[in-house]
Amino acid sequence: MLVIAAAQLPLPGSQSRRRDPPRPPKALAAILRSRVIACLRAQDGETAISAAHAAVRGVVSVLEIVMSTPGVLEVVEDLRRSYPSLTFGVGTVLNADDARKAIRAGAQFLMSPGTVMEILNDLDGSEVLYIPGVLTPTEVISACNAGAKVVKLYPASVMGGEMYMSALKKPFPLVPMVASQGITIGSIKSYMEAGASGVVLSDAIFDKELMRERNFIGISALANQATLQASRCGR
């Protein structure tokens, strides 16, 4: 009996060899610092690159390019080369194959309208951040139990906007949430006050008319306005 008991004791020093938990991806810190994720979709790659550069000139530091944008991977590669200190990702990623393509192109974070468990499992412990979409408390619990470090409330505005953001956040005070869909520059502050850690801005920065007219000066101005508004929000 003594021999069996001794065999079950932990080996000397075994505690010190335990692996430390993986550090959160750098993209998460960048998003929490910026509080604005500029979401770009365009009809062609050339317009996408020009609009992305315009947003960066407007002091946007975190930019997401939607997967359906033609030439999205080339756009990501161009931006990573041009602005190595900024954070770029790919959005509306719906399957693991597209996720792998985006990562090979240099994406530092991926975002989906829902939770794609295969992507979440593949990126467990990775330096690439995955932001799954959620809508209900059950979906938040499921995503977090599977390893999500941050979730995206989508679609935010049609579900009640800031009021729904506040209600969903209450049971999960320690879960970072970014709000997405229908958010304007003027509503950034109210979403932050409701508990959002950040917001995804699409048309609010990449206005459809400005994109059609290729008015990149106007896009830069909106990007700067959004960034300034977020910076004024209390932490």
Protein backbone atom coordinates (compact mmCIF):
# COMPACT_ATOMS: atom_id res chain seq x y z
CA MET A 1 0.00 0.00 0.00
CA LEU A 2 2.83 2.37 0.82
CA VAL A 3 4.43 1.69 -2.55
CA ILE A 4 1.18 2.45 -4.38
CA ALA A 5 0.64 5.63 -2.41
CA ALA A 6 4.14 6.84 -3.16
CA ALA A 7 3.72 6.14 -6.84
CA GLN A 8 0.70 8.40 -6.91
CA LEU A 9 2.59 11.38 -5.47
CA PRO A 10 3.58 14.12 -7.94
CA LEU A 11 7.18 13.99 -9.05
CA PRO A 12 9.53 16.57 -7.50
CA GLY A 13 9.50 19.74 -9.58
CA SER A 14 6.51 18.67 -11.63
CA GLN A 15 4.59 21.78 -10.57
CA SER A 16 7.29 24.06 -11.95
CA ARG A 17 7.12 22.38 -15.35
CA ARG A 18 3.47 23.22 -15.91
CA ARG A 19 2.96 25.36 -18.97
CA ASP A 20 1.90 28.92 -18.40
CA PRO A 21 -1.41 29.90 -20.03
CA PRO A 22 -0.90 31.35 -23.51
CA ARG A 23 -0.71 35.11 -23.75
CA PRO A 24 -3.68 36.86 -25.36
CA PRO A 25 -3.07 37.73 -29.03
CA LYS A 26 -1.64 41.19 -29.59
CA ALA A 27 -4.63 42.01 -31.79
CA LEU A 28 -6.90 41.89 -28.73
CA ALA A 29 -4.86 44.53 -26.93
CA ALA A 30 -4.88 46.68 -30.09
CA ILE A 31 -8.66 46.45 -30.36
CA LEU A 32 -9.23 47.26 -26.70
CA ARG A 33 -6.88 50.23 -27.03
CA SER A 34 -8.40 51.56 -30.26
CA ARG A 35 -12.04 50.74 -29.46
CA VAL A 36 -12.87 51.16 -33.15
CA ILE A 37 -12.65 48.45 -35.80
CA ALA A 38 -13.12 49.95 -39.25
CA CYS A 39 -14.92 47.40 -41.44
CA LEU A 40 -14.25 47.72 -45.16
CA ARG A 41 -16.09 46.08 -48.03
CA ALA A 42 -15.53 47.18 -51.63
CA GLN A 43 -16.46 46.23 -55.18
CA ASP A 44 -12.87 45.71 -56.27
CA GLY A 45 -9.42 45.35 -54.80
CA GLU A 46 -8.08 48.67 -56.07
CA THR A 47 -10.86 50.62 -54.37
CA ALA A 48 -10.40 48.56 -51.22
CA ILE A 49 -6.69 49.39 -51.01
CA SER A 50 -7.30 53.10 -51.61
CA ALA A 51 -10.10 53.22 -49.03
CA ALA A 52 -7.99 51.32 -46.49
CA HIS A 53 -5.09 53.74 -46.90
CA ALA A 54 -7.55 56.62 -46.50
CA ALA A 55 -8.82 55.16 -43.22
CA VAL A 56 -5.27 54.79 -41.93
CA ARG A 57 -4.60 58.43 -42.80
CA GLY A 58 -7.63 59.15 -40.62
CA VAL A 59 -5.75 57.53 -37.71
CA VAL A 60 -7.61 54.20 -37.78
CA SER A 61 -5.29 51.59 -36.26
CA VAL A 62 -7.49 48.47 -36.52
CA LEU A 63 -9.02 47.59 -39.88
CA GLU A 64 -11.09 44.62 -41.01
CA ILE A 65 -11.57 43.76 -44.69
CA VAL A 66 -14.63 41.66 -45.47
CA MET A 67 -13.86 38.28 -47.02
CA SER A 68 -16.21 38.87 -49.98
CA THR A 69 -14.16 41.88 -51.16
CA PRO A 70 -12.42 40.96 -54.45
CA GLY A 71 -8.70 40.58 -53.87
CA VAL A 72 -9.12 40.65 -50.09
CA LEU A 73 -5.98 38.60 -49.49
CA GLU A 74 -3.85 40.91 -51.63
CA VAL A 75 -5.30 43.89 -49.77
CA VAL A 76 -4.28 42.38 -46.43
CA GLU A 77 -0.79 41.63 -47.71
CA ASP A 78 -0.42 45.22 -49.00
CA LEU A 79 -1.54 46.71 -45.70
CA ARG A 80 0.72 44.50 -43.58
CA ARG A 81 3.70 45.60 -45.70
CA SER A 82 2.74 49.26 -45.66
CA TYR A 83 1.82 49.56 -41.97
CA PRO A 84 3.59 46.87 -39.94
CA SER A 85 2.73 48.52 -36.62
CA LEU A 86 -1.05 48.51 -37.23
CA THR A 87 -3.58 45.69 -36.90
CA PHE A 88 -5.42 44.16 -39.86
CA GLY A 89 -7.92 41.36 -40.05
CA VAL A 90 -10.52 39.69 -42.25
CA GLY A 91 -14.23 39.72 -41.52
CA THR A 92 -17.27 37.62 -42.41
CA VAL A 93 -15.10 34.50 -42.34
CA LEU A 94 -17.57 31.63 -42.60
CA ASN A 95 -15.40 28.52 -42.76
CA ALA A 96 -12.02 27.16 -41.71
CA ASP A 97 -10.64 27.08 -45.27
CA ASP A 98 -11.15 30.83 -45.72
CA ALA A 99 -9.69 31.37 -42.24
CA ARG A 100 -6.48 29.58 -43.21
CA LYS A 101 -6.19 31.60 -46.43
CA ALA A 102 -6.62 34.85 -44.50
CA ILE A 103 -3.99 33.86 -41.95
CA ARG A 104 -1.51 32.96 -44.69
CA ALA A 105 -2.09 36.44 -46.16
CA GLY A 106 -1.13 37.97 -42.81
CA ALA A 107 -4.46 38.56 -41.05
CA GLN A 108 -3.93 39.21 -37.34
CA PHE A 109 -7.56 38.66 -36.42
CA LEU A 110 -10.63 37.03 -37.94
CA MET A 111 -14.27 37.87 -37.37
CA SER A 112 -17.52 36.02 -38.12
CA PRO A 113 -21.22 36.92 -37.87
CA GLY A 114 -21.70 33.73 -35.84
CA THR A 115 -19.45 31.23 -34.08
CA VAL A 116 -17.59 28.81 -36.35
CA MET A 117 -16.35 26.23 -33.87
CA GLU A 118 -13.77 24.76 -36.25
CA ILE A 119 -12.06 28.15 -36.53
CA LEU A 120 -12.26 28.71 -32.78
CA ASN A 121 -10.72 25.29 -32.10
CA ASP A 122 -8.02 25.72 -34.76
CA LEU A 123 -6.89 29.04 -33.29
CA ASP A 124 -6.81 27.94 -29.66
CA GLY A 125 -3.53 29.30 -28.28
CA SER A 126 -2.70 30.99 -31.59
CA GLU A 127 -1.32 34.50 -32.04
CA VAL A 128 -4.21 35.11 -34.46
CA LEU A 129 -7.33 36.37 -32.66
CA TYR A 130 -10.74 34.95 -33.53
CA ILE A 131 -13.82 37.06 -32.74
CA PRO A 132 -16.95 34.92 -33.06
CA GLY A 133 -20.37 36.48 -33.45
CA VAL A 134 -22.96 35.98 -30.70
CA LEU A 135 -26.51 37.14 -30.07
CA THR A 136 -27.79 35.36 -26.96
CA PRO A 137 -26.45 34.51 -23.49
CA THR A 138 -26.30 30.85 -24.50
CA GLU A 139 -24.11 31.72 -27.48
CA VAL A 140 -21.79 33.81 -25.27
CA ILE A 141 -21.40 30.91 -22.85
CA SER A 142 -20.78 28.44 -25.68
CA ALA A 143 -18.16 30.63 -27.36
CA CYS A 144 -16.34 31.42 -24.11
CA ASN A 145 -16.34 27.78 -22.99
CA ALA A 146 -14.74 26.93 -26.34
CA GLY A 147 -11.95 29.46 -25.74
CA ALA A 148 -13.15 32.77 -27.20
CA LYS A 149 -11.31 35.74 -25.66
CA VAL A 150 -13.70 38.34 -27.08
CA VAL A 151 -17.08 38.11 -28.81
CA LYS A 152 -18.98 40.26 -31.28
CA LEU A 153 -22.60 41.21 -30.67
CA TYR A 154 -24.26 40.94 -34.09
CA PRO A 155 -26.59 42.31 -35.33
CA ALA A 156 -26.60 45.00 -32.66
CA SER A 157 -28.91 47.78 -33.82
CA VAL A 158 -31.85 45.65 -34.98
CA MET A 159 -31.90 43.82 -31.63
CA GLY A 160 -32.25 46.97 -29.56
CA GLY A 161 -28.89 48.65 -29.91
CA GLU A 162 -27.36 50.02 -26.75
CA MET A 163 -30.19 48.68 -24.56
CA TYR A 164 -29.60 45.13 -25.75
CA MET A 165 -25.84 45.59 -25.43
CA SER A 166 -26.31 46.59 -21.79
CA ALA A 167 -28.65 43.67 -21.08
CA LEU A 168 -26.35 41.09 -22.66
CA LYS A 169 -23.28 42.46 -20.91
CA LYS A 170 -24.71 42.30 -17.36
CA PRO A 171 -24.27 38.53 -16.84
CA PHE A 172 -20.80 38.63 -18.41
CA PRO A 173 -18.96 41.64 -16.95
CA LEU A 174 -15.52 40.13 -17.65
CA VAL A 175 -16.17 39.11 -21.27
CA PRO A 176 -14.95 41.74 -23.78
CA MET A 177 -17.68 42.43 -26.33
CA VAL A 178 -17.57 44.46 -29.51
CA ALA A 179 -20.83 45.68 -31.03
CA SER A 180 -21.42 45.42 -34.76
CA GLN A 181 -24.10 46.43 -37.31
CA GLY A 182 -25.82 49.73 -37.74
CA ILE A 183 -23.53 51.68 -35.42
CA THR A 184 -22.93 55.35 -36.18
CA ILE A 185 -20.15 57.65 -35.07
CA GLY A 186 -22.67 59.47 -32.90
CA SER A 187 -23.61 56.28 -31.05
CA ILE A 188 -20.06 55.19 -30.15
CA LYS A 189 -20.25 56.79 -26.70
CA SER A 190 -23.60 55.25 -25.81
CA TYR A 191 -22.39 51.76 -26.80
CA MET A 192 -19.30 52.19 -24.64
CA GLU A 193 -21.46 53.31 -21.73
CA ALA A 194 -23.59 50.20 -22.27
CA GLY A 195 -20.54 47.99 -21.77
CA ALA A 196 -19.06 47.53 -25.22
CA SER A 197 -15.28 47.21 -25.32
CA GLY A 198 -15.29 48.38 -28.92
CA VAL A 199 -17.46 48.95 -31.97
CA VAL A 200 -17.31 47.84 -35.58
CA LEU A 201 -17.97 50.73 -37.96
CA SER A 202 -18.74 49.97 -41.58
CA ASP A 203 -20.85 52.51 -43.48
CA ALA A 204 -20.17 55.07 -40.75
CA ILE A 205 -16.60 55.32 -42.08
CA PHE A 206 -16.80 53.78 -45.55
CA ASP A 207 -19.91 55.69 -46.56
CA LYS A 208 -21.52 54.14 -49.64
CA GLU A 209 -21.74 57.40 -51.56
CA LEU A 210 -18.16 58.36 -50.74
CA MET A 211 -17.03 54.90 -51.86
CA ARG A 212 -18.93 55.22 -55.16
CA GLU A 213 -17.40 58.64 -55.75
CA ARG A 214 -13.96 57.43 -54.61
CA ASN A 215 -13.93 60.37 -52.23
CA PHE A 216 -11.08 59.13 -50.07
CA ILE A 217 -10.55 62.51 -48.42
CA GLY A 218 -14.09 62.24 -47.07
CA ILE A 219 -13.41 58.71 -45.83
CA SER A 220 -10.29 59.91 -44.03
CA ALA A 221 -12.33 62.64 -42.35
CA LEU A 222 -14.95 60.15 -41.12
CA ALA A 223 -12.23 57.78 -39.88
CA ASN A 224 -10.62 60.60 -37.94
CA GLN A 225 -13.96 61.67 -36.48
CA ALA A 226 -14.70 58.10 -35.32
CA THR A 227 -11.27 57.66 -33.78
CA LEU A 228 -11.55 60.98 -31.96
CA GLN A 229 -15.00 60.13 -30.65
CA ALA A 230 -13.79 56.77 -29.30
CA SER A 231 -10.78 58.37 -27.64
CA ARG A 232 -13.08 60.68 -25.67
CA CYS A 233 -14.99 57.80 -24.13
CA GLY A 234 -14.11 56.97 -20.54
CA ARG A 235 -12.29 53.73 -19.89
